[in-house]
Amino acid sequence: MNKRSIGAAYEKLAEDFLAKQGYQIIERNYYCRYGELDLIGEENGILCFIEVKYRKSSGSGYPQEAVGFRKQRSIRQCAGRYLLERGYRDETPCRFDVVGICPPDLWLIRDAFGGL
C-alpha cells in the first residue's frame, strides 16, 4: 500500500471512531492553497476541523506530537478558507481536534490548539 491509501484507511478508522464519539462528519479531505483538512465534522453544535495523524509505533514519538506550529498554522488557514467558501458566519463556534493513531491505540484531543 502507498502512503495515500494508508492515510485514507486510517482517516476512515478515525471517522468511524469519531462517529462513536457523537461526531457527524460533514466533509473529508478539503483542499485549498494552504493545505488540507483531513476531516470536518460537527459535535454538539461546534464545527470541528480534525487532523488525523498515524504512526506505526511510538518509537519516534506519538502521532499527535507531529501537529506542530507550522501544521497548526496551515490548518488554521485552511479552516478560515473553508468557512469563507462555505458561507459560515464569523460567530460560528469552531475548534481544532486531533486524532492520533498508533495501533492498537487511538486518541482524541478535543480543542488541541487555539482558534483562528
Protein backbone atom coordinates (compact mmCIF):
# COMPACT_ATOMS: atom_id res chain seq x y z
CA MET A 1 0.00 0.00 0.00
CA ASN A 2 1.21 3.51 -0.77
CA LYS A 3 1.12 6.46 1.64
CA ARG A 4 -2.12 7.83 0.20
CA SER A 5 -4.02 4.55 0.62
CA ILE A 6 -2.60 4.06 4.12
CA GLY A 7 -3.67 7.59 5.02
CA ALA A 8 -7.15 7.02 3.61
CA ALA A 9 -7.53 3.80 5.61
CA TYR A 10 -6.56 5.49 8.88
CA GLU A 11 -8.75 8.51 8.16
CA LYS A 12 -11.67 6.09 7.72
CA LEU A 13 -10.75 4.44 11.05
CA ALA A 14 -10.69 7.89 12.67
CA GLU A 15 -14.03 8.77 11.09
CA ASP A 16 -15.66 5.61 12.49
CA PHE A 17 -14.11 6.31 15.90
CA LEU A 18 -15.42 9.89 15.87
CA ALA A 19 -18.92 8.74 14.88
CA LYS A 20 -18.96 6.59 18.02
CA GLN A 21 -17.98 9.70 20.00
CA GLY A 22 -21.01 11.58 18.65
CA TYR A 23 -19.44 13.49 15.75
CA GLN A 24 -21.20 13.96 12.44
CA ILE A 25 -18.65 14.13 9.61
CA ILE A 26 -19.52 16.85 7.10
CA GLU A 27 -16.59 16.70 4.72
CA ARG A 28 -13.42 14.72 4.05
CA ASN A 29 -10.11 15.85 2.57
CA TYR A 30 -10.83 19.51 1.93
CA TYR A 31 -8.01 21.02 -0.14
CA CYS A 32 -7.09 24.64 -0.69
CA ARG A 33 -3.92 26.55 -1.47
CA TYR A 34 -2.91 26.46 2.20
CA GLY A 35 -3.03 22.68 2.53
CA GLU A 36 -5.57 20.07 3.53
CA LEU A 37 -8.11 19.43 6.26
CA ASP A 38 -8.45 15.69 6.87
CA LEU A 39 -11.95 15.71 8.34
CA ILE A 40 -14.52 18.37 9.08
CA GLY A 41 -17.27 17.46 11.47
CA GLU A 42 -19.78 18.74 13.96
CA GLU A 43 -20.12 17.84 17.61
CA ASN A 44 -22.75 19.43 19.84
CA GLY A 45 -23.19 22.42 17.54
CA ILE A 46 -19.45 23.08 17.20
CA LEU A 47 -17.75 22.88 13.81
CA CYS A 48 -14.60 20.74 14.23
CA PHE A 49 -11.56 20.72 11.97
CA ILE A 50 -9.92 17.37 12.61
CA GLU A 51 -6.33 16.42 11.85
CA VAL A 52 -5.60 12.69 11.72
CA LYS A 53 -2.06 11.53 12.46
CA TYR A 54 -0.80 7.95 12.24
CA ARG A 55 2.40 6.27 13.38
CA LYS A 56 3.35 2.61 13.02
CA SER A 57 4.83 2.71 16.53
CA SER A 58 5.52 5.27 19.24
CA GLY A 59 9.28 4.77 18.84
CA SER A 60 9.63 8.15 17.14
CA GLY A 61 7.01 9.87 19.28
CA TYR A 62 3.25 9.84 19.45
CA PRO A 63 1.40 10.82 16.27
CA GLN A 64 -0.36 13.81 17.79
CA GLU A 65 3.05 15.34 18.60
CA ALA A 66 3.54 15.83 14.85
CA VAL A 67 0.97 18.64 14.81
CA GLY A 68 3.48 21.40 15.46
CA PHE A 69 3.28 25.15 14.96
CA ARG A 70 3.64 25.06 11.15
CA LYS A 71 0.97 22.38 10.75
CA GLN A 72 -1.36 24.27 13.11
CA ARG A 73 -0.89 27.43 11.05
CA SER A 74 -1.71 25.55 7.84
CA ILE A 75 -4.82 24.01 9.42
CA ARG A 76 -5.98 27.42 10.69
CA GLN A 77 -5.53 28.97 7.25
CA CYS A 78 -7.41 26.12 5.58
CA ALA A 79 -10.19 26.40 8.15
CA GLY A 80 -10.52 30.14 7.51
CA ARG A 81 -10.74 29.50 3.78
CA TYR A 82 -13.30 26.72 4.32
CA LEU A 83 -15.51 28.97 6.46
CA LEU A 84 -15.35 31.72 3.86
CA GLU A 85 -16.04 29.43 0.88
CA ARG A 86 -18.94 27.67 2.58
CA GLY A 87 -20.57 30.89 3.80
CA TYR A 88 -20.26 30.34 7.54
CA ARG A 89 -20.72 33.37 9.75
CA ASP A 90 -17.92 34.85 11.87
CA GLU A 91 -19.79 33.77 15.01
CA THR A 92 -19.74 30.09 14.04
CA PRO A 93 -18.30 28.18 17.00
CA CYS A 94 -15.40 26.02 15.85
CA ARG A 95 -12.37 24.22 17.22
CA PHE A 96 -9.40 22.13 16.17
CA ASP A 97 -9.24 18.47 17.18
CA VAL A 98 -6.55 15.87 16.61
CA VAL A 99 -6.94 12.11 16.34
CA GLY A 100 -3.70 10.21 16.95
CA ILE A 101 -3.47 6.62 15.79
CA CYS A 102 -0.72 4.24 16.89
CA PRO A 103 -2.24 0.76 16.57
CA PRO A 104 -3.95 -0.53 18.54
CA ASP A 105 -4.47 2.84 20.28
CA LEU A 106 -6.50 5.87 19.19
CA TRP A 107 -6.51 9.22 20.98
CA LEU A 108 -8.90 12.11 20.56
CA ILE A 109 -7.72 15.52 21.64
CA ARG A 110 -10.58 18.00 21.55
CA ASP A 111 -9.61 21.65 21.21
CA ALA A 112 -5.99 20.59 20.62
CA PHE A 113 -4.84 24.13 19.80
CA GLY A 114 -6.19 27.66 19.73
CA GLY A 115 -8.68 29.14 17.32
CA LEU A 116 -8.48 31.15 14.14
